[in-house]
C-alpha atoms as a PDB file:
ATOM      1  CA  MET A   1     -10.910  18.614  -0.725  1.00  0.00           C
ATOM      2  CA  SER A   2      -7.283  18.665   0.396  1.00  0.00           C
ATOM      3  CA  TYR A   3      -4.576  17.888  -2.095  1.00  0.00           C
ATOM      4  CA  ILE A   4      -1.897  15.358  -1.328  1.00  0.00           C
ATOM      5  CA  SER A   5       1.469  15.674  -3.014  1.00  0.00           C
ATOM      6  CA  LEU A   6       3.273  12.507  -4.017  1.00  0.00           C
ATOM      7  CA  ALA A   7       7.036  12.152  -3.901  1.00  0.00           C
ATOM      8  CA  SER A   8       8.513  11.257  -7.278  1.00  0.00           C
ATOM      9  CA  ASP A   9      10.794   8.603  -5.741  1.00  0.00           C
ATOM     10  CA  ALA A  10       7.728   6.570  -4.685  1.00  0.00           C
ATOM     11  CA  ILE A  11       6.476   6.348  -8.291  1.00  0.00           C
ATOM     12  CA  GLU A  12       8.248   4.194 -10.850  1.00  0.00           C
ATOM     13  CA  TRP A  13       7.303   4.350 -14.533  1.00  0.00           C
ATOM     14  CA  SER A  14       8.028   1.786 -17.220  1.00  0.00           C
ATOM     15  CA  ALA A  15       6.918   1.694 -20.835  1.00  0.00           C
ATOM     16  CA  ILE A  16       5.705  -1.702 -22.031  1.00  0.00           C
ATOM     17  CA  ARG A  17       3.992  -3.030 -25.122  1.00  0.00           C
ATOM     18  CA  SER A  18       0.224  -2.957 -25.162  1.00  0.00           C
ATOM     19  CA  SER A  19      -1.849  -6.066 -25.593  1.00  0.00           C
ATOM     20  CA  GLY A  20      -4.806  -6.567 -27.879  1.00  0.00           C
ATOM     21  CA  PRO A  21      -5.488  -5.412 -31.449  1.00  0.00           C
ATOM     22  CA  GLY A  22      -3.557  -2.603 -33.048  1.00  0.00           C
ATOM     23  CA  GLY A  23      -1.332  -4.212 -35.621  1.00  0.00           C
ATOM     24  CA  GLN A  24       2.165  -2.908 -36.178  1.00  0.00           C
ATOM     25  CA  ASN A  25       1.810  -0.063 -33.656  1.00  0.00           C
ATOM     26  CA  VAL A  26       1.114  -2.503 -30.822  1.00  0.00           C
ATOM     27  CA  ASN A  27       3.779  -4.946 -31.938  1.00  0.00           C
ATOM     28  CA  LYS A  28       6.622  -2.431 -32.279  1.00  0.00           C
ATOM     29  CA  VAL A  29       5.941   0.579 -30.029  1.00  0.00           C
ATOM     30  CA  ALA A  30       5.904   0.481 -26.212  1.00  0.00           C
ATOM     31  CA  THR A  31       2.981   2.810 -25.600  1.00  0.00           C
ATOM     32  CA  ALA A  32       1.465   1.187 -22.511  1.00  0.00           C
ATOM     33  CA  ILE A  33       2.599   2.504 -19.140  1.00  0.00           C
ATOM     34  CA  GLU A  34       3.095   0.485 -15.987  1.00  0.00           C
ATOM     35  CA  LEU A  35       3.038   2.679 -12.894  1.00  0.00           C
ATOM     36  CA  ARG A  36       4.422   1.222  -9.677  1.00  0.00           C
ATOM     37  CA  PHE A  37       3.600   3.147  -6.523  1.00  0.00           C
ATOM     38  CA  ASP A  38       5.458   2.079  -3.400  1.00  0.00           C
ATOM     39  CA  ILE A  39       3.048   2.889  -0.592  1.00  0.00           C
ATOM     40  CA  ALA A  40       5.626   2.484   2.193  1.00  0.00           C
ATOM     41  CA  ARG A  41       8.086   4.958   0.611  1.00  0.00           C
ATOM     42  CA  SER A  42       5.409   7.534  -0.189  1.00  0.00           C
ATOM     43  CA  THR A  43       4.851  10.778   1.697  1.00  0.00           C
ATOM     44  CA  LEU A  44       1.216   9.954   2.443  1.00  0.00           C
ATOM     45  CA  PRO A  45      -0.063  10.145   6.031  1.00  0.00           C
ATOM     46  CA  GLN A  46       0.347   6.878   7.943  1.00  0.00           C
ATOM     47  CA  ALA A  47      -3.409   6.369   8.353  1.00  0.00           C
ATOM     48  CA  LEU A  48      -3.873   6.615   4.591  1.00  0.00           C
ATOM     49  CA  LYS A  49      -0.972   4.223   3.964  1.00  0.00           C
ATOM     50  CA  ASP A  50      -2.530   1.689   6.326  1.00  0.00           C
ATOM     51  CA  LYS A  51      -5.905   2.002   4.632  1.00  0.00           C
ATOM     52  CA  LEU A  52      -4.372   1.495   1.182  1.00  0.00           C
ATOM     53  CA  LEU A  53      -2.350  -1.511   2.333  1.00  0.00           C
ATOM     54  CA  ALA A  54      -5.403  -3.063   3.998  1.00  0.00           C
ATOM     55  CA  SER A  55      -7.529  -2.750   0.872  1.00  0.00           C
ATOM     56  CA  GLN A  56      -8.265  -5.934  -1.054  1.00  0.00           C
ATOM     57  CA  ASP A  57      -7.326  -4.398  -4.405  1.00  0.00           C
ATOM     58  CA  ARG A  58      -5.943  -6.896  -6.925  1.00  0.00           C
ATOM     59  CA  ARG A  59      -3.460  -4.275  -8.164  1.00  0.00           C
ATOM     60  CA  LEU A  60      -1.674  -4.353  -4.792  1.00  0.00           C
ATOM     61  CA  ASN A  61       1.172  -6.872  -4.712  1.00  0.00           C
ATOM     62  CA  SER A  62       2.658  -8.668  -1.698  1.00  0.00           C
ATOM     63  CA  LYS A  63       5.461  -6.092  -1.344  1.00  0.00           C
ATOM     64  CA  GLY A  64       3.006  -3.243  -0.767  1.00  0.00           C
ATOM     65  CA  CYS A  65       3.405  -1.861  -4.266  1.00  0.00           C
ATOM     66  CA  LEU A  66       0.410  -0.675  -6.263  1.00  0.00           C
ATOM     67  CA  VAL A  67       0.742  -1.614  -9.951  1.00  0.00           C
ATOM     68  CA  ILE A  68      -1.407   0.249 -12.485  1.00  0.00           C
ATOM     69  CA  LYS A  69      -1.232  -0.640 -16.175  1.00  0.00           C
ATOM     70  CA  ALA A  70      -2.528   2.032 -18.550  1.00  0.00           C
ATOM     71  CA  GLN A  71      -2.960   1.087 -22.201  1.00  0.00           C
ATOM     72  CA  ARG A  72      -6.199   2.760 -23.178  1.00  0.00           C
ATOM     73  CA  PHE A  73      -4.641   5.350 -25.482  1.00  0.00           C
ATOM     74  CA  ARG A  74      -2.271   5.146 -28.443  1.00  0.00           C
ATOM     75  CA  SER A  75       0.295   7.592 -27.056  1.00  0.00           C
ATOM     76  CA  GLN A  76       2.616   7.059 -24.125  1.00  0.00           C
ATOM     77  CA  GLU A  77       1.948  10.538 -22.713  1.00  0.00           C
ATOM     78  CA  ARG A  78      -1.820  10.021 -22.566  1.00  0.00           C
ATOM     79  CA  ASN A  79      -1.348   6.624 -20.926  1.00  0.00           C
ATOM     80  CA  ARG A  80       1.002   8.202 -18.369  1.00  0.00           C
ATOM     81  CA  GLU A  81      -1.636  10.828 -17.532  1.00  0.00           C
ATOM     82  CA  ASP A  82      -4.309   8.129 -17.346  1.00  0.00           C
ATOM     83  CA  ALA A  83      -2.241   6.039 -14.918  1.00  0.00           C
ATOM     84  CA  LEU A  84      -1.588   9.073 -12.713  1.00  0.00           C
ATOM     85  CA  GLU A  85      -5.294  10.008 -12.715  1.00  0.00           C
ATOM     86  CA  ARG A  86      -6.219   6.463 -11.707  1.00  0.00           C
ATOM     87  CA  LEU A  87      -3.665   6.534  -8.895  1.00  0.00           C
ATOM     88  CA  ASN A  88      -5.003   9.882  -7.665  1.00  0.00           C
ATOM     89  CA  SER A  89      -8.593   8.637  -7.719  1.00  0.00           C
ATOM     90  CA  LEU A  90      -7.578   5.502  -5.788  1.00  0.00           C
ATOM     91  CA  ILE A  91      -5.858   7.624  -3.117  1.00  0.00           C
ATOM     92  CA  ALA A  92      -8.822  10.020  -2.980  1.00  0.00           C
ATOM     93  CA  GLN A  93     -11.185   7.083  -2.563  1.00  0.00           C
ATOM     94  CA  ALA A  94      -9.086   5.748   0.324  1.00  0.00           C
ATOM     95  CA  ALA A  95      -8.958   9.229   1.887  1.00  0.00           C
ATOM     96  CA  THR A  96     -12.734   9.602   2.068  1.00  0.00           C
ATOM     97  CA  PRO A  97     -14.071   8.347   5.384  1.00  0.00           C
ATOM     98  CA  THR A  98     -16.492   5.452   5.249  1.00  0.00           C
ATOM     99  CA  LYS A  99     -20.015   6.335   6.271  1.00  0.00           C
ATOM    100  CA  GLN A 100     -21.430   4.572   9.277  1.00  0.00           C
ATOM    101  CA  ARG A 101     -24.524   2.535   8.563  1.00  0.00           C
ATOM    102  CA  VAL A 102     -27.706   3.849  10.109  1.00  0.00           C
ATOM    103  CA  ALA A 103     -29.925   0.986  11.199  1.00  0.00           C
ATOM    104  CA  THR A 104     -33.339   1.253   9.603  1.00  0.00           C
ATOM    105  CA  ARG A 105     -35.066  -1.799  11.078  1.00  0.00           C
ATOM    106  CA  PRO A 106     -34.738  -3.438  14.468  1.00  0.00           C
ATOM    107  CA  GLY A 107     -32.701  -6.610  14.418  1.00  0.00           C
ATOM    108  CA  ARG A 108     -33.866 -10.054  15.476  1.00  0.00           C
ATOM    109  CA  THR A 109     -32.502  -9.761  19.028  1.00  0.00           C
ATOM    110  CA  GLN A 110     -34.190  -6.391  19.465  1.00  0.00           C
ATOM    111  CA  LYS A 111     -37.533  -7.885  18.379  1.00  0.00           C
ATOM    112  CA  GLU A 112     -37.146 -10.799  20.806  1.00  0.00           C
ATOM    113  CA  LYS A 113     -36.222  -8.428  23.623  1.00  0.00           C
ATOM    114  CA  ARG A 114     -39.292  -6.315  22.896  1.00  0.00           C
ATOM    115  CA  MET A 115     -41.577  -9.375  22.905  1.00  0.00           C
ATOM    116  CA  GLN A 116     -40.145 -10.545  26.255  1.00  0.00           C
ATOM    117  CA  GLU A 117     -40.767  -7.089  27.720  1.00  0.00           C
ATOM    118  CA  LYS A 118     -44.358  -7.099  26.417  1.00  0.00           C
ATOM    119  CA  LYS A 119     -45.013 -10.549  27.958  1.00  0.00           C
ATOM    120  CA  LYS A 120     -43.580  -9.363  31.271  1.00  0.00           C
ATOM    121  CA  ASN A 121     -45.843  -6.301  31.274  1.00  0.00           C
ATOM    122  CA  ALA A 122     -48.873  -8.380  30.250  1.00  0.00           C
ATOM    123  CA  GLY A 123     -48.247 -10.800  33.119  1.00  0.00           C
ATOM    124  CA  LYS A 124     -47.889  -7.901  35.560  1.00  0.00           C
ATOM    125  CA  LYS A 125     -51.225  -6.421  34.460  1.00  0.00           C
ATOM    126  CA  ALA A 126     -52.995  -9.809  34.458  1.00  0.00           C
ATOM    127  CA  ASN A 127     -52.141 -10.165  38.152  1.00  0.00           C
ATOM    128  CA  ARG A 128     -53.794  -6.808  38.939  1.00  0.00           C
ATOM    129  CA  GLY A 129     -57.303  -8.208  38.714  1.00  0.00           C
ATOM    130  CA  PRO A 130     -59.714  -8.249  41.655  1.00  0.00           C
ATOM    131  CA  VAL A 131     -58.811 -10.562  44.527  1.00  0.00           C
ATOM    132  CA  ARG A 132     -61.193 -13.535  44.686  1.00  0.00           C
ATOM    133  CA  SER A 133     -61.758 -15.598  47.714  1.00  0.00           C
ATOM    134  CA  ASP A 134     -63.051 -19.087  47.054  1.00  0.00           C
ATOM    135  CA  PRO A 135     -65.352 -20.337  49.847  1.00  0.00           C
ATOM    136  CA  ASP A 136     -64.812 -23.994  48.887  1.00  0.00           C
END
């Protein structure tokens, strides 16, 4: 697997308050991390940029920015690491080539084509019978 380095100017961090239960810690401390990754400004190869921008991911906004919110952990550092890991896995997933589907069954048109060919051959062989002359 090849490693892709990301330019720090393409990533923007911001600390925000987490949602959900947690009491005073959630209400007072901004431990959640919002990572914004500008795909256009990144140093990724153009093919990878295009693939990321074409994806139907709900975290991708209209400006071509990928927004990842990490709030799983209680500390800001762990949430920062989590957001970066999720970004890396998303890029790695986009970098893997999609496998081409191998057809396992003939399609409907192939079946119809085969049946037409069989009827044609059957008609050809039916005409090979002995020649009859009718004296009537």
